[in-house]
Protein backbone atom coordinates (compact mmCIF):
# COMPACT_ATOMS: atom_id res chain seq x y z
CA UNK A 1 0.47 5.06 18.77
CA UNK A 2 -1.82 2.13 19.51
CA UNK A 3 -2.64 -0.42 16.83
CA UNK A 4 -6.33 0.44 17.10
CA UNK A 5 -5.70 4.13 16.49
CA UNK A 6 -3.40 3.30 13.58
CA UNK A 7 -6.23 1.19 12.11
CA UNK A 8 -8.49 4.25 12.34
CA UNK A 9 -5.89 6.25 10.40
CA UNK A 10 -5.78 3.47 7.80
CA UNK A 11 -9.56 3.82 7.40
CA UNK A 12 -9.15 7.58 6.95
CA UNK A 13 -6.39 7.03 4.40
CA UNK A 14 -8.51 4.54 2.44
CA UNK A 15 -11.03 7.33 1.94
CA UNK A 16 -8.32 9.45 0.27
CA UNK A 17 -7.24 6.96 -2.40
CA UNK A 18 -8.73 7.05 -5.92
CA UNK A 19 -12.21 5.54 -5.96
CA UNK A 20 -11.30 3.41 -9.01
CA UNK A 21 -8.85 1.49 -6.84
CA UNK A 22 -11.37 0.82 -4.10
CA UNK A 23 -14.17 -0.21 -6.49
CA UNK A 24 -12.10 -2.84 -8.30
CA UNK A 25 -10.44 -4.58 -5.34
CA UNK A 26 -11.54 -8.16 -4.68
CA UNK A 27 -10.21 -10.80 -2.30
CA UNK A 28 -7.55 -8.55 -0.74
CA UNK A 29 -6.63 -8.27 2.93
CA UNK A 30 -4.92 -5.26 4.47
CA UNK A 31 -2.74 -6.37 7.36
CA UNK A 32 -0.80 -4.24 9.83
CA UNK A 33 2.52 -5.37 11.29
CA UNK A 34 5.05 -3.43 13.34
CA UNK A 35 7.96 -3.54 10.91
CA UNK A 36 9.45 -5.84 8.28
CA UNK A 37 11.62 -8.67 9.54
CA UNK A 38 15.33 -8.83 8.77
CA UNK A 39 14.58 -11.97 6.73
CA UNK A 40 12.02 -10.14 4.59
CA UNK A 41 14.37 -7.22 3.96
CA UNK A 42 17.09 -9.66 2.99
CA UNK A 43 14.70 -11.50 0.68
CA UNK A 44 13.90 -8.17 -1.00
CA UNK A 45 17.60 -7.22 -1.19
CA UNK A 46 17.01 -4.21 1.04
CA UNK A 47 19.57 -2.79 3.46
CA UNK A 48 17.91 -2.37 6.88
CA UNK A 49 20.22 0.58 7.67
CA UNK A 50 19.39 2.49 4.47
CA UNK A 51 16.07 1.30 3.05
CA UNK A 52 12.62 1.86 4.55
CA UNK A 53 9.80 -0.53 3.69
CA UNK A 54 6.39 0.99 4.47
CA UNK A 55 4.23 -1.63 2.76
CA UNK A 56 4.31 -4.83 0.76
CA UNK A 57 1.93 -6.48 -1.71
CA UNK A 58 1.91 -10.28 -1.74
CA UNK A 59 -0.23 -12.20 -4.18
CA UNK A 60 -0.94 -12.68 -7.86
CA UNK A 61 -1.51 -9.43 -9.78
CA UNK A 62 -4.81 -9.27 -11.65
CA UNK A 63 -2.94 -9.15 -14.98
CA UNK A 64 -1.34 -12.54 -14.26
CA UNK A 65 -4.47 -14.42 -13.23
CA UNK A 66 -6.20 -16.96 -15.43
CA UNK A 67 -8.07 -19.66 -13.51
CA UNK A 68 -8.08 -17.89 -10.16
CA UNK A 69 -10.66 -19.39 -7.82
CA UNK A 70 -10.68 -20.71 -4.28
CA UNK A 71 -7.55 -18.75 -3.38
CA UNK A 72 -6.60 -17.12 -0.11
CA UNK A 73 -6.83 -13.33 -0.33
CA UNK A 74 -3.92 -11.37 -1.70
CA UNK A 75 -2.36 -9.28 1.02
CA UNK A 76 -1.07 -5.77 1.54
CA UNK A 77 0.97 -5.39 4.69
CA UNK A 78 1.41 -1.93 6.17
CA UNK A 79 4.38 -1.59 8.53
CA UNK A 80 3.12 0.66 11.32
CA UNK A 81 6.41 1.41 13.07
CA UNK A 82 8.17 2.10 9.77
CA UNK A 83 5.42 4.51 8.73
CA UNK A 84 5.36 6.27 12.11
CA UNK A 85 9.16 6.61 12.15
CA UNK A 86 9.24 7.87 8.56
CA UNK A 87 6.62 10.52 9.40
CA UNK A 88 8.17 11.38 12.76
CA UNK A 89 4.81 10.73 14.43
CA UNK A 90 2.95 13.52 12.59
CA UNK A 91 -0.63 12.26 12.26
CA UNK A 92 -1.44 14.11 9.02
CA UNK A 93 1.76 12.84 7.43
CA UNK A 94 0.96 9.31 8.63
CA UNK A 95 -2.42 9.41 6.86
CA UNK A 96 -0.74 10.64 3.67
CA UNK A 97 1.99 7.98 3.93
CA UNK A 98 -0.61 5.25 4.46
CA UNK A 99 -2.63 6.48 1.47
CA UNK A 100 0.40 6.67 -0.78
CA UNK A 101 1.61 3.25 0.37
CA UNK A 102 -1.81 1.75 -0.32
CA UNK A 103 -1.90 3.32 -3.78
CA UNK A 104 1.55 1.94 -4.54
CA UNK A 105 0.77 -1.58 -3.33
CA UNK A 106 -2.64 -1.59 -5.02
CA UNK A 107 -0.85 -0.66 -8.20
CA UNK A 108 1.08 -3.91 -7.88
CA UNK A 109 -2.19 -5.76 -7.21
CA UNK A 110 -3.57 -4.35 -10.48
CA UNK A 111 -0.40 -5.36 -12.33
CA UNK A 112 0.75 -1.81 -13.03
CA UNK A 113 4.39 -1.01 -13.68
CA UNK A 114 6.33 1.50 -11.58
CA UNK A 115 5.81 4.29 -14.14
CA UNK A 116 2.04 3.81 -14.08
CA UNK A 117 2.03 3.69 -10.28
CA UNK A 118 4.09 6.89 -10.09
CA UNK A 119 1.57 8.64 -12.36
CA UNK A 120 -1.32 7.63 -10.07
CA UNK A 121 0.72 8.80 -7.05
CA UNK A 122 1.36 12.13 -8.79
CA UNK A 123 -2.40 12.68 -9.16
CA UNK A 124 -2.87 11.71 -5.51
CA UNK A 125 -0.27 14.25 -4.34
CA UNK A 126 -1.81 17.03 -6.42
CA UNK A 127 -5.27 16.16 -5.13
CA UNK A 128 -6.51 15.60 -8.69
CA UNK A 129 -9.66 13.58 -9.28
CA UNK A 130 -9.20 10.02 -10.47
CA UNK A 131 -6.91 9.93 -13.50
CA UNK A 132 -8.25 8.26 -16.61
CA UNK A 133 -5.47 5.66 -16.56
CA UNK A 134 -6.87 3.75 -13.55
CA UNK A 135 -6.52 0.01 -13.10
């Protein structure tokens, strides 16, 4: 799949995530790379033969910011090849995987813990409207 077409799928996936997430995001870049480097996986204590990294949030979560001005944007990296491989090339599954990955990484941006993120993901999977516990 070309990078341009993958970007189009990212745009489609963004439309599927809870509106609360999209409305509250500021100074955040979404970047697409092929796959995580061996160095990154090592840094994250991930085994390249067993673990799959679809996305990564890098930055300062909103809950940890005090005087936060004149900063480069926080960043969510989506790993295109990892997502495609995980979904076996199925376009609908790729859109869902991108959406779920974005929700997960945005959860980190908002300073949510894993339990809170999993609850948001649960609503996403069920197709529920925005849960009350948003960011």
